[in-house]
């Protein structure tokens, strides 16, 4: 299954250290570039966790298109 992830789930899962849960249930997780920028704008460790996760094989950063 392929999913597109929003900012809130990424931040909340990072706060409870469960970001890896996404890769267990999804074949591909797409994170729009604007979502990553929003995550990076918030203070805390969550942005670092998301960036590390993007290096995983089934996580992709994409630019949103119309």
C-alpha atoms as a PDB file:
ATOM      1  CA  UNK A   1       0.000   0.000   0.000  1.00  0.00           C
ATOM      2  CA  UNK A   2       1.229   3.502  -0.835  1.00  0.00           C
ATOM      3  CA  UNK A   3       0.336   6.411   1.466  1.00  0.00           C
ATOM      4  CA  UNK A   4       0.964  10.153   1.509  1.00  0.00           C
ATOM      5  CA  UNK A   5       1.710  11.416   4.996  1.00  0.00           C
ATOM      6  CA  UNK A   6       0.704  14.727   6.502  1.00  0.00           C
ATOM      7  CA  UNK A   7       2.654  16.777   9.060  1.00  0.00           C
ATOM      8  CA  UNK A   8       0.639  15.951  12.181  1.00  0.00           C
ATOM      9  CA  UNK A   9       0.992  12.153  12.005  1.00  0.00           C
ATOM     10  CA  UNK A  10       4.732  12.481  11.371  1.00  0.00           C
ATOM     11  CA  UNK A  11       5.254  14.757  14.357  1.00  0.00           C
ATOM     12  CA  UNK A  12       3.062  12.725  16.693  1.00  0.00           C
ATOM     13  CA  UNK A  13       4.622   9.399  15.716  1.00  0.00           C
ATOM     14  CA  UNK A  14       8.089  10.923  16.120  1.00  0.00           C
ATOM     15  CA  UNK A  15       7.209  12.209  19.596  1.00  0.00           C
ATOM     16  CA  UNK A  16       6.342   8.698  20.764  1.00  0.00           C
ATOM     17  CA  UNK A  17       9.219   7.131  18.772  1.00  0.00           C
ATOM     18  CA  UNK A  18       6.911   5.118  16.512  1.00  0.00           C
ATOM     19  CA  UNK A  19       7.813   6.488  13.072  1.00  0.00           C
ATOM     20  CA  UNK A  20       8.992   3.035  12.074  1.00  0.00           C
ATOM     21  CA  UNK A  21       5.406   1.867  12.394  1.00  0.00           C
ATOM     22  CA  UNK A  22       4.641   3.460   9.028  1.00  0.00           C
ATOM     23  CA  UNK A  23       7.151   1.274   7.232  1.00  0.00           C
ATOM     24  CA  UNK A  24       5.714  -1.850   8.851  1.00  0.00           C
ATOM     25  CA  UNK A  25       2.253  -1.240   7.405  1.00  0.00           C
ATOM     26  CA  UNK A  26       3.013   0.576   4.144  1.00  0.00           C
ATOM     27  CA  UNK A  27       5.057  -0.423   1.106  1.00  0.00           C
ATOM     28  CA  UNK A  28       5.789   3.209   0.274  1.00  0.00           C
ATOM     29  CA  UNK A  29       5.341   6.372   2.323  1.00  0.00           C
ATOM     30  CA  UNK A  30       5.384   9.617   0.355  1.00  0.00           C
ATOM     31  CA  UNK A  31       6.188  12.804   2.233  1.00  0.00           C
ATOM     32  CA  UNK A  32       5.542  16.005   0.282  1.00  0.00           C
ATOM     33  CA  UNK A  33       8.419  18.500   0.401  1.00  0.00           C
ATOM     34  CA  UNK A  34       6.090  21.113   1.930  1.00  0.00           C
ATOM     35  CA  UNK A  35       5.303  18.692   4.773  1.00  0.00           C
ATOM     36  CA  UNK A  36       9.006  18.181   5.456  1.00  0.00           C
ATOM     37  CA  UNK A  37       9.534  21.951   5.572  1.00  0.00           C
ATOM     38  CA  UNK A  38       6.670  22.266   8.047  1.00  0.00           C
ATOM     39  CA  UNK A  39       8.135  19.521  10.245  1.00  0.00           C
ATOM     40  CA  UNK A  40      11.575  21.167  10.131  1.00  0.00           C
ATOM     41  CA  UNK A  41      10.045  24.507  11.211  1.00  0.00           C
ATOM     42  CA  UNK A  42       8.933  23.025  14.548  1.00  0.00           C
ATOM     43  CA  UNK A  43      11.463  22.896  17.394  1.00  0.00           C
ATOM     44  CA  UNK A  44      12.495  19.484  18.681  1.00  0.00           C
ATOM     45  CA  UNK A  45      13.924  16.137  17.634  1.00  0.00           C
ATOM     46  CA  UNK A  46      11.027  15.232  15.343  1.00  0.00           C
ATOM     47  CA  UNK A  47      12.579  16.831  12.251  1.00  0.00           C
ATOM     48  CA  UNK A  48      15.785  14.856  12.712  1.00  0.00           C
ATOM     49  CA  UNK A  49      13.831  11.621  13.113  1.00  0.00           C
ATOM     50  CA  UNK A  50      11.836  12.289   9.935  1.00  0.00           C
ATOM     51  CA  UNK A  51      14.994  13.112   7.956  1.00  0.00           C
ATOM     52  CA  UNK A  52      16.631   9.885   9.114  1.00  0.00           C
ATOM     53  CA  UNK A  53      13.493   7.996   8.117  1.00  0.00           C
ATOM     54  CA  UNK A  54      13.628   9.522   4.625  1.00  0.00           C
ATOM     55  CA  UNK A  55      16.864   7.649   4.068  1.00  0.00           C
ATOM     56  CA  UNK A  56      14.906   4.421   4.432  1.00  0.00           C
ATOM     57  CA  UNK A  57      14.139   2.484   1.297  1.00  0.00           C
ATOM     58  CA  UNK A  58      10.352   2.829   1.384  1.00  0.00           C
ATOM     59  CA  UNK A  59      10.125   6.540   2.287  1.00  0.00           C
ATOM     60  CA  UNK A  60      10.107   9.105  -0.523  1.00  0.00           C
ATOM     61  CA  UNK A  61      10.235  12.883  -0.555  1.00  0.00           C
ATOM     62  CA  UNK A  62       8.175  14.341  -3.399  1.00  0.00           C
ATOM     63  CA  UNK A  63       7.318  17.784  -4.620  1.00  0.00           C
ATOM     64  CA  UNK A  64       3.555  18.251  -4.748  1.00  0.00           C
ATOM     65  CA  UNK A  65       2.120  18.818  -8.210  1.00  0.00           C
ATOM     66  CA  UNK A  66      -1.165  20.283  -9.315  1.00  0.00           C
END
